[in-house]
N, C-alpha and C. Protein backbone atom coordinates (compact mmCIF):
# COMPACT_ATOMS: atom_id res chain seq x y z
N MET A 1 0.84 -1.18 0.00
CA MET A 1 0.00 0.00 0.00
C MET A 1 0.89 1.24 0.00
N GLU A 2 0.60 2.16 -0.91
CA GLU A 2 1.39 3.38 -1.01
C GLU A 2 0.91 4.39 0.02
N GLN A 3 1.85 4.99 0.70
CA GLN A 3 1.51 5.94 1.75
C GLN A 3 1.61 7.36 1.20
N GLN A 4 0.58 8.17 1.40
CA GLN A 4 0.57 9.56 0.97
C GLN A 4 1.19 10.42 2.06
N GLN A 5 1.96 11.42 1.66
CA GLN A 5 2.54 12.33 2.63
C GLN A 5 1.53 13.42 2.96
N LEU A 6 1.46 13.80 4.21
CA LEU A 6 0.55 14.82 4.67
C LEU A 6 1.20 16.19 4.48
N ASP A 7 0.51 17.07 3.77
CA ASP A 7 0.99 18.43 3.58
C ASP A 7 0.13 19.35 4.43
N ILE A 8 0.64 19.71 5.61
CA ILE A 8 -0.12 20.53 6.55
C ILE A 8 -0.41 21.91 5.99
N ASN A 9 0.52 22.44 5.14
CA ASN A 9 0.28 23.74 4.53
C ASN A 9 -0.92 23.70 3.59
N ALA A 10 -1.08 22.62 2.85
CA ALA A 10 -2.22 22.49 1.94
C ALA A 10 -3.53 22.46 2.71
N ILE A 11 -3.55 21.76 3.84
CA ILE A 11 -4.76 21.71 4.67
C ILE A 11 -5.05 23.10 5.25
N PHE A 12 -4.03 23.77 5.77
CA PHE A 12 -4.20 25.11 6.34
C PHE A 12 -4.70 26.07 5.27
N ASN A 13 -4.14 25.98 4.05
CA ASN A 13 -4.55 26.88 2.98
C ASN A 13 -5.99 26.64 2.53
N GLN A 14 -6.49 25.41 2.67
CA GLN A 14 -7.88 25.14 2.32
C GLN A 14 -8.82 25.91 3.24
N PHE A 15 -8.46 26.06 4.50
CA PHE A 15 -9.32 26.75 5.45
C PHE A 15 -9.11 28.26 5.44
N PHE A 16 -7.87 28.71 5.32
CA PHE A 16 -7.56 30.13 5.49
C PHE A 16 -7.03 30.81 4.24
N GLY A 17 -6.86 30.08 3.14
CA GLY A 17 -6.27 30.67 1.95
C GLY A 17 -4.76 30.65 2.07
N ASP A 18 -4.10 31.07 1.00
CA ASP A 18 -2.64 31.07 0.99
C ASP A 18 -2.14 32.21 1.84
N GLN A 19 -1.57 31.91 2.99
CA GLN A 19 -1.09 32.91 3.92
C GLN A 19 0.29 33.44 3.55
N PHE A 20 0.92 32.83 2.56
CA PHE A 20 2.23 33.27 2.10
C PHE A 20 2.05 33.83 0.70
N PRO A 21 1.78 35.15 0.58
CA PRO A 21 1.57 35.69 -0.76
C PRO A 21 2.82 35.52 -1.61
N ARG A 22 2.62 35.14 -2.84
CA ARG A 22 3.74 34.92 -3.74
C ARG A 22 4.00 36.20 -4.53
N HIS A 23 5.25 36.57 -4.60
CA HIS A 23 5.66 37.74 -5.34
C HIS A 23 6.55 37.28 -6.48
N PRO A 24 6.52 37.98 -7.61
CA PRO A 24 7.29 37.51 -8.77
C PRO A 24 8.79 37.40 -8.51
N GLU A 25 9.32 38.16 -7.56
CA GLU A 25 10.75 38.13 -7.31
C GLU A 25 11.17 37.04 -6.32
N ASP A 26 10.21 36.35 -5.73
CA ASP A 26 10.53 35.28 -4.78
C ASP A 26 10.80 33.97 -5.50
N ILE A 27 11.64 33.14 -4.89
CA ILE A 27 11.97 31.83 -5.43
C ILE A 27 11.58 30.78 -4.40
N TYR A 28 10.95 29.70 -4.86
CA TYR A 28 10.49 28.63 -3.98
C TYR A 28 11.19 27.33 -4.37
N LEU A 29 11.93 26.76 -3.44
CA LEU A 29 12.63 25.50 -3.68
C LEU A 29 12.22 24.48 -2.62
N GLN A 30 12.34 23.22 -2.98
CA GLN A 30 12.08 22.16 -2.03
C GLN A 30 13.32 21.29 -1.93
N VAL A 31 13.72 20.98 -0.70
CA VAL A 31 14.88 20.14 -0.43
C VAL A 31 14.39 18.91 0.33
N THR A 32 14.81 17.73 -0.12
CA THR A 32 14.46 16.49 0.57
C THR A 32 15.70 16.00 1.31
N VAL A 33 15.52 15.72 2.58
CA VAL A 33 16.62 15.22 3.41
C VAL A 33 16.23 13.86 3.97
N SER A 34 17.22 13.09 4.38
CA SER A 34 16.96 11.80 5.01
C SER A 34 16.48 12.03 6.44
N PRO A 35 15.84 11.05 7.05
CA PRO A 35 15.42 11.20 8.45
C PRO A 35 16.60 11.50 9.38
N GLU A 36 17.75 10.92 9.09
CA GLU A 36 18.93 11.15 9.91
C GLU A 36 19.40 12.60 9.79
N GLU A 37 19.40 13.13 8.56
CA GLU A 37 19.81 14.52 8.34
C GLU A 37 18.83 15.49 8.99
N ALA A 38 17.55 15.16 8.92
CA ALA A 38 16.54 16.02 9.53
C ALA A 38 16.71 16.07 11.05
N GLN A 39 17.06 14.95 11.62
CA GLN A 39 17.23 14.88 13.08
C GLN A 39 18.50 15.57 13.54
N ALA A 40 19.60 15.38 12.81
CA ALA A 40 20.90 15.92 13.23
C ALA A 40 21.20 17.30 12.65
N GLY A 41 20.54 17.67 11.54
CA GLY A 41 20.88 18.90 10.84
C GLY A 41 21.91 18.60 9.76
N CYS A 42 22.03 19.47 8.77
CA CYS A 42 22.98 19.24 7.68
C CYS A 42 23.21 20.54 6.92
N VAL A 43 24.21 20.49 6.04
CA VAL A 43 24.51 21.61 5.15
C VAL A 43 24.20 21.14 3.74
N ARG A 44 23.49 21.97 2.97
CA ARG A 44 23.15 21.63 1.60
C ARG A 44 23.55 22.74 0.66
N GLN A 45 24.01 22.35 -0.53
CA GLN A 45 24.27 23.34 -1.56
C GLN A 45 23.05 23.40 -2.47
N LEU A 46 22.55 24.60 -2.68
CA LEU A 46 21.42 24.81 -3.58
C LEU A 46 21.93 25.45 -4.85
N ARG A 47 21.42 25.00 -5.98
CA ARG A 47 21.74 25.59 -7.27
C ARG A 47 20.42 25.99 -7.91
N TYR A 48 20.32 27.26 -8.26
CA TYR A 48 19.10 27.76 -8.86
C TYR A 48 19.41 28.98 -9.72
N ASP A 49 18.49 29.33 -10.60
CA ASP A 49 18.67 30.47 -11.50
C ASP A 49 18.03 31.71 -10.91
N VAL A 50 18.70 32.85 -11.08
CA VAL A 50 18.22 34.13 -10.58
C VAL A 50 18.13 35.09 -11.76
N ARG A 51 16.97 35.75 -11.90
CA ARG A 51 16.80 36.77 -12.93
C ARG A 51 17.48 38.06 -12.46
N LYS A 52 18.28 38.66 -13.34
CA LYS A 52 19.00 39.90 -13.04
C LYS A 52 18.27 41.08 -13.69
N CYS A 53 18.47 42.26 -13.14
CA CYS A 53 17.85 43.47 -13.66
C CYS A 53 18.34 43.79 -15.07
N CYS A 54 17.46 44.35 -15.84
CA CYS A 54 17.80 44.80 -17.19
C CYS A 54 18.71 46.01 -17.09
N GLY A 55 19.77 46.00 -17.86
CA GLY A 55 20.69 47.14 -17.89
C GLY A 55 20.13 48.34 -18.62
N GLY A 56 19.13 48.12 -19.47
CA GLY A 56 18.55 49.22 -20.25
C GLY A 56 17.57 50.08 -19.46
N CYS A 57 16.77 49.46 -18.61
CA CYS A 57 15.73 50.21 -17.89
C CYS A 57 15.93 50.19 -16.38
N GLY A 58 16.96 49.51 -15.89
CA GLY A 58 17.20 49.45 -14.45
C GLY A 58 16.19 48.60 -13.70
N GLY A 59 15.48 47.75 -14.43
CA GLY A 59 14.52 46.86 -13.80
C GLY A 59 13.09 47.35 -13.81
N SER A 60 12.84 48.56 -14.32
CA SER A 60 11.47 49.08 -14.33
C SER A 60 10.63 48.51 -15.45
N GLY A 61 11.27 48.10 -16.55
CA GLY A 61 10.55 47.58 -17.71
C GLY A 61 10.05 48.67 -18.64
N GLU A 62 10.25 49.94 -18.26
CA GLU A 62 9.74 51.07 -19.03
C GLU A 62 10.80 51.62 -19.97
N ALA A 63 10.38 52.03 -21.17
CA ALA A 63 11.29 52.66 -22.11
C ALA A 63 11.72 54.02 -21.58
N ALA A 64 10.81 54.72 -20.91
CA ALA A 64 11.10 56.03 -20.30
C ALA A 64 10.41 56.06 -18.94
N PRO A 65 10.98 56.75 -17.96
CA PRO A 65 10.33 56.84 -16.64
C PRO A 65 8.91 57.38 -16.75
N GLY A 66 8.00 56.76 -16.03
CA GLY A 66 6.59 57.19 -16.03
C GLY A 66 5.76 56.60 -17.14
N ALA A 67 6.31 55.66 -17.92
CA ALA A 67 5.57 55.07 -19.03
C ALA A 67 4.54 54.05 -18.58
N ALA A 68 4.65 53.55 -17.37
CA ALA A 68 3.70 52.54 -16.86
C ALA A 68 2.46 53.24 -16.30
N THR A 69 1.34 52.53 -16.34
CA THR A 69 0.10 53.04 -15.76
C THR A 69 -0.31 52.14 -14.60
N PRO A 70 -1.00 52.70 -13.58
CA PRO A 70 -1.45 51.86 -12.47
C PRO A 70 -2.40 50.77 -12.96
N CYS A 71 -2.31 49.62 -12.36
CA CYS A 71 -3.19 48.50 -12.72
C CYS A 71 -4.62 48.85 -12.33
N PRO A 72 -5.57 48.74 -13.27
CA PRO A 72 -6.96 49.08 -12.94
C PRO A 72 -7.63 48.07 -12.00
N LYS A 73 -7.15 46.85 -12.00
CA LYS A 73 -7.80 45.83 -11.16
C LYS A 73 -7.46 46.02 -9.68
N CYS A 74 -6.18 46.26 -9.36
CA CYS A 74 -5.77 46.41 -7.95
C CYS A 74 -5.52 47.86 -7.57
N LYS A 75 -5.72 48.77 -8.53
CA LYS A 75 -5.52 50.21 -8.33
C LYS A 75 -4.10 50.55 -7.88
N GLY A 76 -3.12 49.84 -8.44
CA GLY A 76 -1.73 50.12 -8.17
C GLY A 76 -1.16 49.49 -6.92
N GLU A 77 -1.96 48.69 -6.20
CA GLU A 77 -1.50 48.07 -4.96
C GLU A 77 -0.70 46.79 -5.18
N GLY A 78 -0.98 46.08 -6.26
CA GLY A 78 -0.31 44.81 -6.51
C GLY A 78 -0.95 43.64 -5.80
N GLU A 79 -1.89 43.93 -4.92
CA GLU A 79 -2.59 42.89 -4.16
C GLU A 79 -4.09 43.18 -4.15
N LEU A 80 -4.85 42.13 -3.99
CA LEU A 80 -6.30 42.26 -3.87
C LEU A 80 -6.75 41.68 -2.54
N LEU A 81 -7.71 42.33 -1.92
CA LEU A 81 -8.27 41.84 -0.67
C LEU A 81 -9.43 40.92 -1.02
N ALA A 82 -9.38 39.70 -0.52
CA ALA A 82 -10.43 38.72 -0.81
C ALA A 82 -11.01 38.21 0.49
N LYS A 83 -12.29 37.89 0.46
CA LYS A 83 -12.96 37.29 1.61
C LYS A 83 -13.17 35.82 1.31
N GLN A 84 -12.89 35.00 2.30
CA GLN A 84 -13.04 33.57 2.13
C GLN A 84 -13.79 33.01 3.33
N SER A 85 -14.80 32.23 3.05
CA SER A 85 -15.57 31.61 4.13
C SER A 85 -14.89 30.33 4.59
N THR A 86 -14.74 30.18 5.89
CA THR A 86 -14.17 28.99 6.47
C THR A 86 -15.14 28.46 7.51
N MET A 87 -14.82 27.33 8.10
CA MET A 87 -15.68 26.79 9.15
C MET A 87 -15.63 27.66 10.41
N PHE A 88 -14.65 28.58 10.48
CA PHE A 88 -14.52 29.47 11.63
C PHE A 88 -15.15 30.84 11.37
N GLY A 89 -15.66 31.06 10.17
CA GLY A 89 -16.25 32.35 9.80
C GLY A 89 -15.59 32.87 8.55
N THR A 90 -15.77 34.16 8.30
CA THR A 90 -15.19 34.79 7.11
C THR A 90 -13.82 35.37 7.45
N VAL A 91 -12.87 35.09 6.59
CA VAL A 91 -11.51 35.56 6.78
C VAL A 91 -11.14 36.44 5.59
N GLN A 92 -10.47 37.56 5.85
CA GLN A 92 -9.98 38.41 4.78
C GLN A 92 -8.51 38.08 4.53
N ILE A 93 -8.17 37.89 3.28
CA ILE A 93 -6.79 37.58 2.93
C ILE A 93 -6.36 38.45 1.76
N ARG A 94 -5.07 38.72 1.67
CA ARG A 94 -4.50 39.47 0.56
C ARG A 94 -3.89 38.48 -0.43
N ARG A 95 -4.22 38.69 -1.68
CA ARG A 95 -3.67 37.85 -2.74
C ARG A 95 -3.03 38.72 -3.80
N MET A 96 -2.01 38.18 -4.43
CA MET A 96 -1.33 38.91 -5.49
C MET A 96 -2.28 39.12 -6.66
N CYS A 97 -2.27 40.31 -7.22
CA CYS A 97 -3.08 40.62 -8.40
C CYS A 97 -2.50 39.86 -9.60
N LYS A 98 -3.33 39.09 -10.26
CA LYS A 98 -2.86 38.29 -11.39
C LYS A 98 -2.71 39.12 -12.65
N LYS A 99 -3.45 40.22 -12.75
CA LYS A 99 -3.37 41.06 -13.95
C LYS A 99 -1.99 41.72 -14.07
N CYS A 100 -1.49 42.26 -12.97
CA CYS A 100 -0.19 42.96 -13.01
C CYS A 100 0.93 42.13 -12.38
N LYS A 101 0.60 40.90 -11.94
CA LYS A 101 1.56 39.98 -11.32
C LYS A 101 2.24 40.58 -10.09
N GLY A 102 1.46 41.36 -9.33
CA GLY A 102 1.95 41.91 -8.08
C GLY A 102 2.75 43.19 -8.21
N MET A 103 2.93 43.68 -9.41
CA MET A 103 3.74 44.88 -9.62
C MET A 103 2.95 46.17 -9.37
N GLY A 104 1.63 46.13 -9.52
CA GLY A 104 0.81 47.32 -9.30
C GLY A 104 0.75 48.25 -10.50
N ARG A 105 1.42 47.88 -11.58
CA ARG A 105 1.43 48.73 -12.76
C ARG A 105 1.49 47.88 -14.02
N LEU A 106 1.03 48.47 -15.10
CA LEU A 106 1.03 47.80 -16.39
C LEU A 106 1.81 48.64 -17.39
N ILE A 107 2.54 47.98 -18.26
CA ILE A 107 3.31 48.67 -19.29
C ILE A 107 2.79 48.22 -20.64
N LYS A 108 2.33 49.18 -21.44
CA LYS A 108 1.88 48.85 -22.79
C LYS A 108 3.10 48.48 -23.63
N ARG A 109 2.88 47.62 -24.59
CA ARG A 109 3.97 47.12 -25.42
C ARG A 109 4.77 48.26 -26.07
N LYS A 110 4.09 49.32 -26.49
CA LYS A 110 4.79 50.43 -27.14
C LYS A 110 5.66 51.23 -26.16
N ASN A 111 5.37 51.13 -24.85
CA ASN A 111 6.13 51.85 -23.83
C ASN A 111 7.15 50.96 -23.12
N ALA A 112 7.29 49.73 -23.58
CA ALA A 112 8.19 48.78 -22.92
C ALA A 112 9.63 49.00 -23.35
N CYS A 113 10.53 48.67 -22.47
CA CYS A 113 11.96 48.74 -22.75
C CYS A 113 12.28 47.81 -23.92
N ALA A 114 13.05 48.31 -24.87
CA ALA A 114 13.38 47.52 -26.05
C ALA A 114 14.28 46.33 -25.72
N ARG A 115 15.09 46.46 -24.68
CA ARG A 115 16.04 45.41 -24.33
C ARG A 115 15.36 44.21 -23.67
N CYS A 116 14.44 44.47 -22.73
CA CYS A 116 13.83 43.36 -21.98
C CYS A 116 12.36 43.13 -22.33
N GLY A 117 11.78 43.97 -23.16
CA GLY A 117 10.38 43.80 -23.55
C GLY A 117 9.39 44.10 -22.44
N GLY A 118 9.81 44.87 -21.43
CA GLY A 118 8.91 45.23 -20.32
C GLY A 118 8.99 44.31 -19.12
N LYS A 119 9.81 43.28 -19.20
CA LYS A 119 9.91 42.33 -18.07
C LYS A 119 10.75 42.88 -16.93
N GLY A 120 11.68 43.77 -17.22
CA GLY A 120 12.55 44.32 -16.18
C GLY A 120 13.78 43.48 -15.92
N THR A 121 13.84 42.31 -16.53
CA THR A 121 15.02 41.44 -16.40
C THR A 121 15.46 41.04 -17.79
N ASP A 122 16.77 40.88 -17.96
CA ASP A 122 17.24 40.52 -19.29
C ASP A 122 18.23 39.37 -19.31
N ARG A 123 18.59 38.86 -18.16
CA ARG A 123 19.49 37.71 -18.17
C ARG A 123 19.28 36.88 -16.90
N VAL A 124 19.71 35.65 -16.99
CA VAL A 124 19.58 34.72 -15.87
C VAL A 124 20.99 34.27 -15.49
N GLU A 125 21.22 34.19 -14.21
CA GLU A 125 22.54 33.78 -13.71
C GLU A 125 22.34 32.66 -12.71
N GLU A 126 23.17 31.62 -12.80
CA GLU A 126 23.07 30.53 -11.85
C GLU A 126 23.62 30.99 -10.50
N GLN A 127 22.91 30.67 -9.47
CA GLN A 127 23.28 31.03 -8.11
C GLN A 127 23.59 29.76 -7.33
N ARG A 128 24.61 29.81 -6.50
CA ARG A 128 24.93 28.69 -5.62
C ARG A 128 24.97 29.21 -4.19
N GLU A 129 24.23 28.58 -3.35
CA GLU A 129 24.17 28.98 -1.94
C GLU A 129 24.34 27.74 -1.07
N TYR A 130 25.09 27.89 -0.01
CA TYR A 130 25.17 26.83 0.99
C TYR A 130 24.27 27.25 2.14
N ILE A 131 23.36 26.37 2.52
CA ILE A 131 22.47 26.66 3.65
C ILE A 131 22.67 25.60 4.72
N THR A 132 22.57 26.04 5.94
CA THR A 132 22.67 25.12 7.07
C THR A 132 21.27 24.87 7.59
N LEU A 133 20.87 23.62 7.57
CA LEU A 133 19.56 23.23 8.09
C LEU A 133 19.75 22.74 9.52
N PRO A 134 19.05 23.33 10.47
CA PRO A 134 19.26 22.96 11.87
C PRO A 134 18.69 21.58 12.20
N ALA A 135 19.09 21.04 13.32
CA ALA A 135 18.53 19.77 13.79
C ALA A 135 17.03 19.92 13.95
N GLY A 136 16.30 18.89 13.58
CA GLY A 136 14.84 18.92 13.67
C GLY A 136 14.20 19.75 12.58
N CYS A 137 14.84 19.83 11.41
CA CYS A 137 14.39 20.73 10.34
C CYS A 137 13.31 20.15 9.44
N GLY A 138 12.90 18.92 9.64
CA GLY A 138 11.94 18.30 8.74
C GLY A 138 10.59 19.00 8.69
N TRP A 139 10.03 19.10 7.48
CA TRP A 139 8.71 19.66 7.22
C TRP A 139 8.59 21.11 7.67
N GLN A 140 9.64 21.88 7.45
CA GLN A 140 9.62 23.30 7.78
C GLN A 140 9.94 24.13 6.55
N ARG A 141 9.56 25.40 6.59
CA ARG A 141 9.89 26.34 5.53
C ARG A 141 10.83 27.39 6.10
N PHE A 142 11.94 27.60 5.41
CA PHE A 142 12.93 28.60 5.82
C PHE A 142 12.94 29.71 4.78
N SER A 143 13.16 30.93 5.22
CA SER A 143 13.23 32.05 4.28
C SER A 143 14.59 32.73 4.37
N TYR A 144 15.07 33.13 3.21
CA TYR A 144 16.36 33.80 3.09
C TYR A 144 16.16 35.09 2.31
N PRO A 145 15.83 36.20 3.00
CA PRO A 145 15.60 37.47 2.31
C PRO A 145 16.84 37.92 1.54
N GLY A 146 16.60 38.53 0.40
CA GLY A 146 17.70 39.04 -0.41
C GLY A 146 18.39 38.00 -1.27
N LYS A 147 17.86 36.79 -1.35
CA LYS A 147 18.47 35.72 -2.15
C LYS A 147 17.62 35.33 -3.35
N GLY A 148 16.52 36.06 -3.60
CA GLY A 148 15.63 35.75 -4.72
C GLY A 148 16.00 36.51 -5.97
N HIS A 149 15.03 36.64 -6.89
CA HIS A 149 15.23 37.38 -8.12
C HIS A 149 15.36 38.87 -7.81
N PHE A 150 15.99 39.59 -8.72
CA PHE A 150 16.10 41.04 -8.57
C PHE A 150 14.76 41.68 -8.92
N ALA A 151 14.24 42.50 -8.01
CA ALA A 151 13.01 43.23 -8.28
C ALA A 151 13.36 44.55 -8.95
N ASP A 152 14.42 45.17 -8.54
CA ASP A 152 15.00 46.34 -9.18
C ASP A 152 16.48 46.38 -8.80
N GLN A 153 17.15 47.46 -9.09
CA GLN A 153 18.59 47.51 -8.86
C GLN A 153 18.95 47.29 -7.38
N ASP A 154 18.11 47.76 -6.46
CA ASP A 154 18.45 47.73 -5.04
C ASP A 154 17.74 46.65 -4.25
N LYS A 155 16.71 46.03 -4.80
CA LYS A 155 15.88 45.11 -4.03
C LYS A 155 15.85 43.73 -4.66
N ARG A 156 16.01 42.72 -3.81
CA ARG A 156 15.88 41.34 -4.26
C ARG A 156 14.77 40.66 -3.48
N GLY A 157 14.20 39.63 -4.10
CA GLY A 157 13.16 38.87 -3.44
C GLY A 157 13.72 37.92 -2.40
N THR A 158 12.87 37.05 -1.93
CA THR A 158 13.23 36.09 -0.88
C THR A 158 13.31 34.69 -1.46
N LEU A 159 14.28 33.93 -0.99
CA LEU A 159 14.38 32.51 -1.32
C LEU A 159 13.68 31.74 -0.20
N PHE A 160 12.66 30.96 -0.57
CA PHE A 160 11.95 30.12 0.39
C PHE A 160 12.35 28.67 0.13
N VAL A 161 12.79 27.99 1.17
CA VAL A 161 13.19 26.59 1.06
C VAL A 161 12.30 25.76 1.98
N THR A 162 11.57 24.84 1.39
CA THR A 162 10.73 23.92 2.15
C THR A 162 11.48 22.60 2.27
N VAL A 163 11.62 22.11 3.48
CA VAL A 163 12.36 20.87 3.74
C VAL A 163 11.37 19.74 3.95
N SER A 164 11.51 18.70 3.17
CA SER A 164 10.70 17.49 3.36
C SER A 164 11.63 16.34 3.73
N VAL A 165 11.07 15.35 4.40
CA VAL A 165 11.86 14.23 4.86
C VAL A 165 11.52 13.00 4.00
N ALA A 166 12.54 12.35 3.47
CA ALA A 166 12.35 11.18 2.61
C ALA A 166 11.86 9.98 3.42
N GLY A 167 11.13 9.16 2.73
CA GLY A 167 10.77 7.87 3.27
C GLY A 167 9.72 7.88 4.25
């Protein structure tokens, strides 16, 4: 008989919605460790790709400053407030706006940077990070601010690492 793994985050999200809003500059990785490594702790090397800022627009995606317009769906906030009914009552949660992908602004094709096409990034670079997972790290999520994709020249997203235990 095949045993299914219990994902407590999936159960929690069914009742309360996704409590971890996803942003385009964040990176989500999953690392599987042995039961022994989870109990004692370990060091792991992660290899992943990071989007770098466009040299033409500085990460804004605009051909000229001010070329973007506020998103009409989220009114420039990048997030939408949603109500969700649960067995405990109604809960308000913030979700990323899908129209503008959390940026709060839209760039028309004619106003987009010629180098990156309005994406704000123009190249990908492989990143290598060594992370130390503490003893008892199984089935936890760790965050590493400043290790994600570049949002602009000065700001980077967060690297989220979820640790699962094999077997």
